[in-house]
Amino acid sequence: MAEPAHAKAPSPADAVAPPAAPATSFGSRAARRTLAAFTYRDFRVQWFGACTSSIGTWTQMTAQNWMVLSLTGSPFYLGLDAFLQQLPIMLFTLIGGVLADRRDRRATLLTSQYIQMTTAVTLALLVYFDLVRIWHILALSFLTGLAQAFGGPAYQALIPSLVDKKDLPNAVALNSIQFNVARVLGPLLFSATIAVFANWRFSDEQGMAACFALNAVSFLVVISTLMALHVKHIPPTGVQSMGDELRGGLSYVRHHDSLVALSVLAAATTFLGIAVLTFLPLFAQQVFHEGAQTYSHLMAFSGAGSIVGALIVAWLGKFRRMGLTALLVQALYGGLILLFAVSKVLWVSEILLFLTGVALMVVFSTVTSLVQLIAPNEMRGRVMSIYMVAFRGGMPLGSLVSGYLATFMGAPVVIGINGVLLIVVAGYFLARSHGVREA
């Protein structure tokens, strides 16, 4: 950090000039408002560990998508790999939510990290020794998703215990920032690793094995930061059977129209809006006729936009008409991916990806903050697990359906249709609301 400049004696001109203090004061207030959650020690520790792990995850995800395309040349397998990683989240996240309300959330998270680290090591070894087959990748993706199905609700339920309620939207947005910093750095790290290994005359496969190994190492950081948290587990009183608690969580959400509507909105957004990221290797190869470097740059532009979007939400904090804002921005997101689908100019597509990243993160952070604010602490694990089933469940189903359709229609056509449907979904909730517009 740069040292402050030395003060100088005021000149006569300085004496009559408007003082600079108000601008500095405004900038300081804006920074404090944007970074409010970082004033909490446990949140800072958790954020650093999560960011490091997310960088490793996005490095592996970028390498894995490229490897799947290299092995199969098929958009269907790209969609199938994304589907299998998310399928366990659809199947088991509700159980994970019950456990997040019954068990020590930190212990559950640690178990999840150990499993994901093991799958990364396994994939690295399979690729390094040239033993990898497509079914290996698909099976390990499913196992990774299984770990996330139990770790995800625990992680989402842990965040509100690290900050005061007034700073929760800020914490959710800053948490999104670490994820999207990783979306920028992960693909760039993949690209740099492949380039370094190529200069050393290693194969691309060995470079990808190194990417998977880097992800495995990143889990050591998040494991150590989880162990350093001061948050204590408070066992629940009057514990019911898992079935009763699961039914209680479902009943709570069902009787809150706004929670149902927000979950449906999240599912529709991920079902239609995430396929554009899944198909970026296809756009790099088939639309722009480029290789892994261009693919990683496209991913980085999207991630950079998401960082800006998360910073906007972090600065805004808790504000009026959050639901209306999310719907308007979602309609904008649909229009942007429609433009990306028809673009044939690389630099235009990069700008559009940046803007889609901004829009998508404003929608996701705002909707997630609303769900977190509505859910009481004793129900938060179950409420967030239900929301995650909708939010994360839309991703694999959307990737699978879009991947299947892209084999017949082409990826740009499918992405364009998805963009139009996103605008339709936003228009429906703007017209009918169901509690979203007023949230």
Protein backbone atom coordinates (compact mmCIF):
# COMPACT_ATOMS: atom_id res chain seq x y z
CA MET A 1 0.00 0.00 0.00
CA ALA A 2 1.39 3.42 -0.96
CA GLU A 3 2.45 5.74 1.84
CA PRO A 4 0.49 9.02 2.13
CA ALA A 5 2.12 12.07 0.58
CA HIS A 6 3.88 14.48 2.96
CA ALA A 7 1.84 17.56 3.82
CA LYS A 8 3.00 20.87 2.40
CA ALA A 9 2.53 24.43 3.66
CA PRO A 10 -0.69 26.00 2.34
CA SER A 11 -0.33 28.68 -0.32
CA PRO A 12 -2.64 31.70 -0.60
CA ALA A 13 -4.46 29.95 -3.42
CA ASP A 14 -4.97 26.93 -1.18
CA ALA A 15 -6.45 29.18 1.49
CA VAL A 16 -9.38 30.20 -0.70
CA ALA A 17 -9.84 26.88 -2.52
CA PRO A 18 -12.72 24.62 -1.43
CA PRO A 19 -11.46 22.13 1.17
CA ALA A 20 -10.81 18.57 -0.01
CA ALA A 21 -11.97 17.01 3.25
CA PRO A 22 -15.60 16.42 2.23
CA ALA A 23 -14.52 14.42 -0.86
CA THR A 24 -12.12 12.38 1.22
CA SER A 25 -14.79 11.89 3.84
CA PHE A 26 -17.26 10.75 1.18
CA GLY A 27 -14.73 8.31 -0.28
CA SER A 28 -13.98 6.95 3.17
CA ARG A 29 -17.66 6.49 3.94
CA ALA A 30 -18.23 4.76 0.60
CA ALA A 31 -15.35 2.38 1.25
CA ARG A 32 -16.60 1.57 4.75
CA ARG A 33 -20.08 0.97 3.41
CA THR A 34 -18.83 -1.28 0.61
CA LEU A 35 -16.51 -3.30 2.89
CA ALA A 36 -18.65 -3.31 6.05
CA ALA A 37 -18.57 -7.09 6.53
CA PHE A 38 -14.75 -7.06 6.57
CA THR A 39 -14.87 -5.37 9.98
CA TYR A 40 -15.76 -8.82 11.39
CA ARG A 41 -12.69 -10.97 12.03
CA ASP A 42 -14.33 -14.34 11.31
CA PHE A 43 -15.82 -13.10 8.05
CA ARG A 44 -12.38 -11.88 6.89
CA VAL A 45 -10.81 -15.25 7.69
CA GLN A 46 -13.62 -17.17 6.00
CA TRP A 47 -13.52 -14.88 2.95
CA PHE A 48 -9.79 -15.41 2.39
CA GLY A 49 -10.07 -19.18 2.62
CA ALA A 50 -13.14 -19.33 0.40
CA CYS A 51 -11.53 -17.07 -2.21
CA THR A 52 -8.40 -19.22 -2.38
CA SER A 53 -10.45 -22.38 -2.76
CA SER A 54 -12.71 -20.77 -5.38
CA ILE A 55 -9.67 -19.80 -7.47
CA GLY A 56 -8.59 -23.43 -7.43
CA THR A 57 -12.12 -24.58 -8.28
CA TRP A 58 -12.40 -22.26 -11.28
CA THR A 59 -8.94 -23.27 -12.47
CA GLN A 60 -10.07 -26.90 -12.44
CA MET A 61 -13.48 -26.12 -13.92
CA THR A 62 -11.92 -24.30 -16.88
CA ALA A 63 -9.41 -27.08 -17.47
CA GLN A 64 -12.07 -29.76 -17.05
CA ASN A 65 -14.42 -28.17 -19.59
CA TRP A 66 -11.57 -27.93 -22.08
CA MET A 67 -10.58 -31.55 -21.43
CA VAL A 68 -14.14 -32.81 -21.89
CA LEU A 69 -14.37 -30.97 -25.21
CA SER A 70 -10.93 -32.29 -26.25
CA LEU A 71 -11.88 -35.89 -25.39
CA THR A 72 -15.34 -35.88 -26.96
CA GLY A 73 -15.79 -32.81 -29.17
CA SER A 74 -19.42 -32.87 -28.04
CA PRO A 75 -21.58 -30.10 -26.53
CA PHE A 76 -23.75 -32.85 -25.05
CA TYR A 77 -20.89 -34.13 -22.88
CA LEU A 78 -20.16 -30.58 -21.73
CA GLY A 79 -23.76 -30.33 -20.59
CA LEU A 80 -23.73 -33.85 -19.12
CA ASP A 81 -20.63 -33.13 -17.02
CA ALA A 82 -22.26 -29.98 -15.62
CA PHE A 83 -25.47 -31.94 -15.02
CA LEU A 84 -23.77 -34.74 -13.08
CA GLN A 85 -21.89 -32.29 -10.85
CA GLN A 86 -25.14 -30.55 -9.94
CA LEU A 87 -27.41 -33.63 -9.80
CA PRO A 88 -26.47 -34.58 -6.19
CA ILE A 89 -27.31 -31.02 -5.16
CA MET A 90 -30.83 -31.57 -6.46
CA LEU A 91 -31.10 -34.96 -4.74
CA PHE A 92 -29.45 -34.42 -1.37
CA THR A 93 -29.29 -30.70 -0.56
CA LEU A 94 -32.57 -30.82 1.42
CA ILE A 95 -31.02 -33.45 3.70
CA GLY A 96 -27.90 -31.30 3.87
CA GLY A 97 -30.06 -28.39 5.01
CA VAL A 98 -31.50 -30.42 7.89
CA LEU A 99 -27.98 -31.43 8.93
CA ALA A 100 -26.88 -27.78 8.76
CA ASP A 101 -29.51 -26.94 11.39
CA ARG A 102 -28.69 -29.99 13.57
CA ARG A 103 -24.91 -30.44 13.32
CA ASP A 104 -21.83 -28.26 13.63
CA ARG A 105 -21.79 -26.38 10.31
CA ARG A 106 -18.02 -25.98 10.38
CA ALA A 107 -17.47 -29.72 10.84
CA THR A 108 -19.80 -30.47 7.92
CA LEU A 109 -17.90 -27.99 5.76
CA LEU A 110 -14.55 -29.57 6.65
CA THR A 111 -15.77 -33.01 5.60
CA SER A 112 -17.00 -31.57 2.31
CA GLN A 113 -13.61 -29.94 1.64
CA TYR A 114 -11.70 -33.17 2.31
CA ILE A 115 -13.85 -35.08 -0.17
CA GLN A 116 -13.49 -32.42 -2.88
CA MET A 117 -9.73 -32.31 -2.35
CA THR A 118 -9.57 -36.09 -2.84
CA THR A 119 -11.48 -35.93 -6.13
CA ALA A 120 -9.14 -33.20 -7.42
CA VAL A 121 -6.06 -35.27 -6.53
CA THR A 122 -7.57 -38.35 -8.20
CA LEU A 123 -8.31 -36.48 -11.43
CA ALA A 124 -4.82 -34.94 -11.46
CA LEU A 125 -3.22 -38.40 -11.19
CA LEU A 126 -5.48 -39.92 -13.85
CA VAL A 127 -4.63 -37.15 -16.31
CA TYR A 128 -0.91 -37.08 -15.49
CA PHE A 129 -0.51 -40.83 -16.12
CA ASP A 130 -2.69 -40.64 -19.25
CA LEU A 131 -5.32 -42.96 -17.80
CA VAL A 132 -8.27 -40.57 -17.88
CA ARG A 133 -11.45 -41.47 -19.72
CA ILE A 134 -14.62 -39.46 -20.00
CA TRP A 135 -16.43 -41.70 -17.51
CA HIS A 136 -13.74 -40.92 -14.90
CA ILE A 137 -14.45 -37.21 -15.24
CA LEU A 138 -18.21 -37.72 -15.07
CA ALA A 139 -17.97 -39.96 -11.98
CA LEU A 140 -15.66 -37.55 -10.14
CA SER A 141 -17.95 -34.65 -11.02
CA PHE A 142 -20.85 -36.52 -9.40
CA LEU A 143 -18.78 -37.20 -6.26
CA THR A 144 -17.76 -33.54 -6.06
CA GLY A 145 -21.39 -32.52 -6.34
CA LEU A 146 -22.30 -34.95 -3.56
CA ALA A 147 -19.84 -33.24 -1.21
CA GLN A 148 -21.20 -29.84 -2.20
CA ALA A 149 -24.78 -30.98 -1.55
CA PHE A 150 -23.95 -31.22 2.17
CA GLY A 151 -21.32 -28.47 2.36
CA GLY A 152 -23.36 -25.86 0.48
CA PRO A 153 -26.25 -25.46 2.97
CA ALA A 154 -23.78 -25.44 5.88
CA TYR A 155 -21.76 -22.70 4.18
CA GLN A 156 -24.80 -20.57 3.36
CA ALA A 157 -26.14 -20.98 6.90
CA LEU A 158 -22.73 -20.13 8.41
CA ILE A 159 -22.35 -16.71 6.75
CA PRO A 160 -25.14 -14.96 8.74
CA SER A 161 -23.51 -16.10 12.00
CA LEU A 162 -20.30 -14.23 11.07
CA VAL A 163 -21.86 -10.73 10.80
CA ASP A 164 -24.70 -8.66 12.26
CA LYS A 165 -28.02 -8.82 10.42
CA LYS A 166 -27.70 -5.21 9.22
CA ASP A 167 -24.53 -6.15 7.34
CA LEU A 168 -25.85 -9.43 5.91
CA PRO A 169 -26.59 -8.15 2.36
CA ASN A 170 -23.09 -6.68 2.30
CA ALA A 171 -21.63 -10.02 3.44
CA VAL A 172 -23.57 -11.89 0.74
CA ALA A 173 -22.31 -9.48 -1.92
CA LEU A 174 -18.69 -9.63 -0.68
CA ASN A 175 -18.95 -13.42 -0.66
CA SER A 176 -20.06 -13.19 -4.29
CA ILE A 177 -17.02 -11.03 -4.98
CA GLN A 178 -14.59 -13.71 -3.79
CA PHE A 179 -16.37 -16.24 -6.00
CA ASN A 180 -16.12 -13.93 -8.99
CA VAL A 181 -12.56 -12.83 -8.32
CA ALA A 182 -11.94 -16.55 -8.72
CA ARG A 183 -13.90 -16.56 -11.98
CA VAL A 184 -11.36 -14.07 -13.32
CA LEU A 185 -8.18 -15.49 -11.80
CA GLY A 186 -9.03 -19.18 -12.21
CA PRO A 187 -9.29 -19.16 -16.03
CA LEU A 188 -6.22 -16.92 -16.27
CA LEU A 189 -4.30 -19.32 -14.01
CA PHE A 190 -5.42 -22.19 -16.27
CA SER A 191 -4.19 -20.30 -19.33
CA ALA A 192 -0.88 -19.40 -17.68
CA THR A 193 -0.31 -22.97 -16.48
CA ILE A 194 -0.94 -24.41 -19.94
CA ALA A 195 1.43 -21.81 -21.46
CA VAL A 196 4.19 -22.51 -18.93
CA PHE A 197 3.98 -26.26 -19.45
CA ALA A 198 4.01 -25.74 -23.23
CA ASN A 199 7.20 -23.66 -22.91
CA TRP A 200 8.72 -26.50 -20.89
CA ARG A 201 7.72 -28.83 -23.74
CA PHE A 202 5.15 -30.68 -21.68
CA SER A 203 1.83 -31.73 -23.18
CA ASP A 204 -1.45 -29.88 -22.65
CA GLU A 205 -2.68 -32.88 -20.67
CA GLN A 206 0.17 -32.52 -18.18
CA GLY A 207 -0.63 -28.82 -17.90
CA MET A 208 -4.25 -29.68 -17.12
CA ALA A 209 -3.09 -32.21 -14.53
CA ALA A 210 -1.19 -29.36 -12.88
CA CYS A 211 -4.41 -27.30 -12.84
CA PHE A 212 -6.23 -30.09 -11.01
CA ALA A 213 -3.33 -30.40 -8.56
CA LEU A 214 -3.46 -26.64 -7.87
CA ASN A 215 -7.13 -27.00 -6.98
CA ALA A 216 -6.29 -29.80 -4.56
CA VAL A 217 -3.70 -27.60 -2.83
CA SER A 218 -6.19 -24.73 -2.55
CA PHE A 219 -8.41 -26.86 -0.31
CA LEU A 220 -5.65 -26.92 2.32
CA VAL A 221 -6.05 -23.16 2.70
CA VAL A 222 -9.83 -23.22 3.20
CA ILE A 223 -9.51 -26.14 5.63
CA SER A 224 -7.03 -24.17 7.77
CA THR A 225 -9.20 -21.03 7.75
CA LEU A 226 -12.31 -23.00 8.77
CA MET A 227 -10.37 -24.37 11.73
CA ALA A 228 -9.39 -20.80 12.71
CA LEU A 229 -12.97 -19.50 13.00
CA HIS A 230 -14.14 -18.48 16.48
CA VAL A 231 -17.80 -19.24 15.79
CA LYS A 232 -19.23 -21.85 18.16
CA HIS A 233 -21.82 -24.49 17.43
CA ILE A 234 -24.96 -24.13 19.53
CA PRO A 235 -26.85 -27.46 19.58
CA PRO A 236 -30.56 -26.99 18.79
CA THR A 237 -33.12 -27.65 21.51
CA GLY A 238 -36.08 -29.95 21.08
CA VAL A 239 -34.60 -31.76 18.07
CA GLN A 240 -37.16 -33.63 15.99
CA SER A 241 -36.61 -36.49 13.58
CA MET A 242 -34.94 -35.58 10.29
CA GLY A 243 -38.18 -36.26 8.45
CA ASP A 244 -40.15 -33.92 10.72
CA GLU A 245 -37.54 -31.19 10.41
CA LEU A 246 -37.45 -31.55 6.64
CA ARG A 247 -41.23 -31.29 6.46
CA GLY A 248 -41.10 -28.29 8.78
CA GLY A 249 -38.68 -26.50 6.47
CA LEU A 250 -40.77 -27.27 3.39
CA SER A 251 -43.92 -26.11 5.19
CA TYR A 252 -42.24 -22.85 6.24
CA VAL A 253 -41.21 -22.04 2.68
CA ARG A 254 -44.56 -23.12 1.23
CA HIS A 255 -46.43 -20.71 3.50
CA HIS A 256 -44.21 -17.76 2.55
CA ASP A 257 -45.19 -16.79 -1.00
CA SER A 258 -42.17 -14.55 -1.44
CA LEU A 259 -39.76 -17.43 -0.65
CA VAL A 260 -41.51 -19.69 -3.16
CA ALA A 261 -41.43 -16.98 -5.82
CA LEU A 262 -37.76 -16.12 -5.18
CA SER A 263 -36.83 -19.81 -5.44
CA VAL A 264 -38.73 -20.20 -8.71
CA LEU A 265 -37.09 -17.05 -10.06
CA ALA A 266 -33.63 -18.35 -9.10
CA ALA A 267 -34.33 -21.72 -10.78
CA ALA A 268 -35.52 -20.09 -14.00
CA THR A 269 -32.50 -17.76 -14.06
CA THR A 270 -29.95 -20.53 -13.65
CA PHE A 271 -31.80 -22.91 -16.00
CA LEU A 272 -31.72 -20.37 -18.81
CA GLY A 273 -28.78 -18.14 -17.94
CA ILE A 274 -25.83 -20.38 -17.01
CA ALA A 275 -25.58 -22.33 -20.29
CA VAL A 276 -23.76 -19.38 -21.85
CA LEU A 277 -20.80 -20.09 -19.52
CA THR A 278 -20.96 -23.85 -20.18
CA PHE A 279 -20.77 -23.26 -23.95
CA LEU A 280 -17.88 -20.78 -23.94
CA PRO A 281 -15.41 -23.47 -25.14
CA LEU A 282 -17.70 -24.00 -28.16
CA PHE A 283 -17.83 -20.27 -28.89
CA ALA A 284 -14.04 -20.08 -28.67
CA GLN A 285 -13.59 -23.01 -31.06
CA GLN A 286 -16.49 -22.81 -33.48
CA VAL A 287 -17.47 -19.12 -33.58
CA PHE A 288 -14.11 -17.39 -33.12
CA HIS A 289 -11.92 -20.32 -34.32
CA GLU A 290 -9.49 -19.89 -31.43
CA GLY A 291 -8.04 -22.11 -28.70
CA ALA A 292 -7.71 -22.39 -24.93
CA GLN A 293 -6.25 -18.89 -24.50
CA THR A 294 -9.33 -17.23 -26.00
CA TYR A 295 -11.62 -19.46 -23.95
CA SER A 296 -9.87 -18.45 -20.72
CA HIS A 297 -10.10 -14.76 -21.71
CA LEU A 298 -13.84 -15.07 -22.36
CA MET A 299 -14.28 -16.63 -18.91
CA ALA A 300 -12.19 -13.87 -17.37
CA PHE A 301 -14.29 -11.09 -18.94
CA SER A 302 -17.45 -12.67 -17.53
CA GLY A 303 -15.85 -13.00 -14.10
CA ALA A 304 -14.60 -9.40 -14.13
CA GLY A 305 -18.12 -8.19 -14.82
CA SER A 306 -19.43 -10.28 -11.95
CA ILE A 307 -16.94 -8.64 -9.57
CA VAL A 308 -18.25 -5.22 -10.60
CA GLY A 309 -21.83 -6.41 -10.14
CA ALA A 310 -21.08 -7.76 -6.67
CA LEU A 311 -19.34 -4.50 -5.70
CA ILE A 312 -22.44 -2.59 -6.77
CA VAL A 313 -24.64 -4.77 -4.55
CA ALA A 314 -22.13 -4.51 -1.68
CA TRP A 315 -22.20 -0.70 -1.91
CA LEU A 316 -25.98 -0.63 -2.05
CA GLY A 317 -26.34 -2.95 0.96
CA LYS A 318 -29.94 -3.34 2.06
CA PHE A 319 -32.11 -1.02 -0.03
CA ARG A 320 -35.76 -0.53 -0.96
CA ARG A 321 -37.32 -2.43 -3.88
CA MET A 322 -34.54 -5.01 -4.08
CA GLY A 323 -36.93 -7.43 -5.79
CA LEU A 324 -37.96 -4.93 -8.49
CA THR A 325 -34.30 -4.18 -9.17
CA ALA A 326 -33.50 -7.89 -9.57
CA LEU A 327 -36.33 -8.35 -12.10
CA LEU A 328 -35.34 -5.35 -14.22
CA VAL A 329 -31.70 -6.42 -14.27
CA GLN A 330 -32.67 -9.98 -15.19
CA ALA A 331 -34.55 -8.67 -18.23
CA LEU A 332 -31.39 -6.73 -19.15
CA TYR A 333 -29.33 -9.93 -18.72
CA GLY A 334 -31.58 -11.77 -21.16
CA GLY A 335 -31.08 -9.05 -23.75
CA LEU A 336 -27.31 -9.10 -23.29
CA ILE A 337 -26.91 -12.86 -23.81
CA LEU A 338 -29.16 -12.60 -26.86
CA LEU A 339 -26.72 -10.03 -28.29
CA PHE A 340 -23.77 -12.27 -27.34
CA ALA A 341 -25.38 -15.18 -29.19
CA VAL A 342 -25.49 -13.23 -32.48
CA SER A 343 -22.11 -11.48 -32.13
CA LYS A 344 -19.31 -12.66 -34.42
CA VAL A 345 -16.74 -10.05 -33.35
CA LEU A 346 -14.47 -11.15 -30.50
CA TRP A 347 -13.98 -7.78 -28.79
CA VAL A 348 -17.72 -7.07 -28.92
CA SER A 349 -18.42 -10.47 -27.38
CA GLU A 350 -15.91 -9.79 -24.61
CA ILE A 351 -17.65 -6.52 -23.71
CA LEU A 352 -21.03 -8.26 -23.76
CA LEU A 353 -19.71 -11.02 -21.49
CA PHE A 354 -18.45 -8.38 -19.07
CA LEU A 355 -21.89 -6.75 -18.99
CA THR A 356 -23.65 -10.11 -18.59
CA GLY A 357 -21.39 -10.79 -15.61
CA VAL A 358 -22.45 -7.49 -14.01
CA ALA A 359 -26.14 -8.18 -14.58
CA LEU A 360 -26.10 -11.82 -13.49
CA MET A 361 -24.32 -11.05 -10.23
CA VAL A 362 -26.69 -8.20 -9.35
CA VAL A 363 -29.60 -10.62 -9.80
CA PHE A 364 -28.02 -13.50 -7.86
CA SER A 365 -26.68 -11.41 -4.97
CA THR A 366 -29.93 -9.49 -4.56
CA VAL A 367 -32.18 -12.55 -4.64
CA THR A 368 -29.91 -14.51 -2.27
CA SER A 369 -29.80 -11.58 0.16
CA LEU A 370 -33.59 -11.41 0.20
CA VAL A 371 -33.87 -15.12 1.04
CA GLN A 372 -31.22 -14.81 3.78
CA LEU A 373 -33.02 -11.82 5.30
CA ILE A 374 -36.39 -13.57 5.36
CA ALA A 375 -35.16 -16.87 6.86
CA PRO A 376 -34.89 -17.08 10.70
CA ASN A 377 -31.65 -18.52 12.10
CA GLU A 378 -33.21 -21.73 13.43
CA MET A 379 -34.65 -22.46 9.97
CA ARG A 380 -31.89 -20.97 7.83
CA GLY A 381 -30.15 -24.23 6.93
CA ARG A 382 -33.38 -25.77 5.67
CA VAL A 383 -34.62 -22.62 3.93
CA MET A 384 -31.28 -22.13 2.20
CA SER A 385 -31.15 -25.80 1.19
CA ILE A 386 -34.55 -25.45 -0.49
CA TYR A 387 -33.38 -22.28 -2.20
CA MET A 388 -30.15 -24.02 -3.26
CA VAL A 389 -32.08 -26.91 -4.80
CA ALA A 390 -33.87 -24.34 -6.95
CA PHE A 391 -30.82 -22.14 -7.57
CA ARG A 392 -28.28 -24.90 -8.19
CA GLY A 393 -30.78 -27.37 -9.62
CA GLY A 394 -31.55 -25.09 -12.54
CA MET A 395 -27.89 -25.21 -13.62
CA PRO A 396 -27.56 -28.94 -14.47
CA LEU A 397 -31.01 -29.22 -15.99
CA GLY A 398 -30.40 -26.13 -18.09
CA SER A 399 -26.95 -27.32 -19.16
CA LEU A 400 -28.26 -30.78 -20.05
CA VAL A 401 -31.24 -29.52 -22.04
CA SER A 402 -29.24 -26.76 -23.73
CA GLY A 403 -26.41 -29.18 -24.51
CA TYR A 404 -28.83 -31.63 -26.11
CA LEU A 405 -30.53 -28.92 -28.16
CA ALA A 406 -27.18 -27.45 -29.21
CA THR A 407 -26.25 -30.72 -30.94
CA PHE A 408 -29.09 -30.04 -33.38
CA MET A 409 -29.50 -26.26 -33.40
CA GLY A 410 -26.04 -24.99 -32.54
CA ALA A 411 -24.95 -23.26 -29.33
CA PRO A 412 -25.57 -19.64 -30.50
CA VAL A 413 -29.20 -20.39 -31.41
CA VAL A 414 -29.87 -22.08 -28.06
CA ILE A 415 -28.27 -19.22 -26.12
CA GLY A 416 -30.34 -16.71 -28.07
CA ILE A 417 -33.56 -18.56 -27.25
CA ASN A 418 -32.56 -18.67 -23.58
CA GLY A 419 -32.05 -14.91 -23.61
CA VAL A 420 -35.55 -14.31 -24.95
CA LEU A 421 -37.05 -16.67 -22.34
CA LEU A 422 -35.20 -14.84 -19.53
CA ILE A 423 -36.88 -11.61 -20.61
CA VAL A 424 -40.25 -13.41 -20.60
CA VAL A 425 -39.67 -14.75 -17.05
CA ALA A 426 -38.74 -11.29 -15.77
CA GLY A 427 -41.79 -9.82 -17.47
CA TYR A 428 -44.05 -12.42 -15.82
CA PHE A 429 -42.84 -11.57 -12.31
CA LEU A 430 -42.99 -7.85 -13.05
CA ALA A 431 -46.64 -8.30 -14.03
CA ARG A 432 -47.78 -10.87 -11.44
CA SER A 433 -45.17 -10.19 -8.69
CA HIS A 434 -46.01 -13.02 -6.21
CA GLY A 435 -44.24 -10.90 -3.60
CA VAL A 436 -40.99 -10.47 -5.56
CA ARG A 437 -41.63 -6.99 -6.97
CA GLU A 438 -42.38 -5.56 -3.51
CA ALA A 439 -39.50 -7.33 -1.67
